[in-house]
Amino acid sequence: MTDERARSFFVSEGDHFVPTRAARGYWQKGTLSGSAAASLLGHVIERDCLDPDWVPVRLSVDMLRMPPDAPLSVAVEVLHESGRVRLVEARLIAEGRVQTRAQCQIVRRGVQPDNPLWQSPPWPAPHPDTLPRVTQFARWDMRPIPAGAERFARDAPVQGHNTTGNPPVLGVLAAPSTRQTWLSSGIEVVAGNALSPWLMLVTTADFASPLTHSSEFGIDFVNTDFTVHIHRLPQGEWIGFELVGHSSADGVAMGQAAIHDVAGPLGVIAVSAIANSRRAG
């Protein structure tokens, strides 16, 4: 594998995107990760539909299938266009079927009202430069927030065992009380295209699923979607993730994460998920 392929999810070949080894998924052999699929849709949305005077305020990604490790194409459609609001849909297609779909609402920048508003306070987390890096993740630079920096009680059930479900994916983030971390993406979406602030967010957004849906013993839910809401584009390379909530019953779950950058609050990510067993073979 060339260096170019090793540091990207995809390589562009004509009208298709060819996955690299880095794009392979956790849940089933021969399929791609949700992060890779969503990132490719985000890349094409940015390429075709984003302008400097517009802000992508919502990205909703539907994980309809686990995309195969095969050449992919992306179709983009503008569903609505007006002076202030644009709604686009991007569809990831492989083997003649839609595998993953994303809708993105984009709004035009305007003038901030004169009347002062209450604003969400800054994240009281240590700066990422002051924290040690976790070395187990090849495509992310992860800087976990110490447990002492927690903002509210997140006590986990004491029952359970790490042999009863799927292997854990969070490592040192396994305890709910420590589920705050900085992430910086270390991989391009399409080889030769540097990560923009938008793609820095999109490449890490799927992390909200293991953050919110993992027990201390493993991850037994696979997300069927995620929705990102932001009010501005990120500043800098770091995205801060904070566990806000998880609720589940009858094998159906929803999770919530707050996201930040070094300049302050960015928005929230909501993630739906269903119980699932890993098929690695």
Foldseek 3Di string as FASTA:
>chain_A
DDPLLVFAQWADDPQWTQGGPVQCDFFEPQFGHPLLVQLVQLVVCCVPPDDPQKFFFKKKKFQQAGHGNGIKHKDKDWPDDDPFKTKMKIFIDDPHDTGMIMIIIMTGDDDDDPDDDDDDFFQPFDDQVVFDFDDPDDFKTKGWTDLVSADDDDAADPDDALVPAAAADPVVLQGLSRLKMKIFTRHHSYRPDDDDLSSLCSSCQLVQCSSAQAHSRHHFKDWRMKMWGFDHGDDDRIKMWHWDHWDDDPQKIKGKIWIAHPVGGTTMMITIIGGDGGHYD
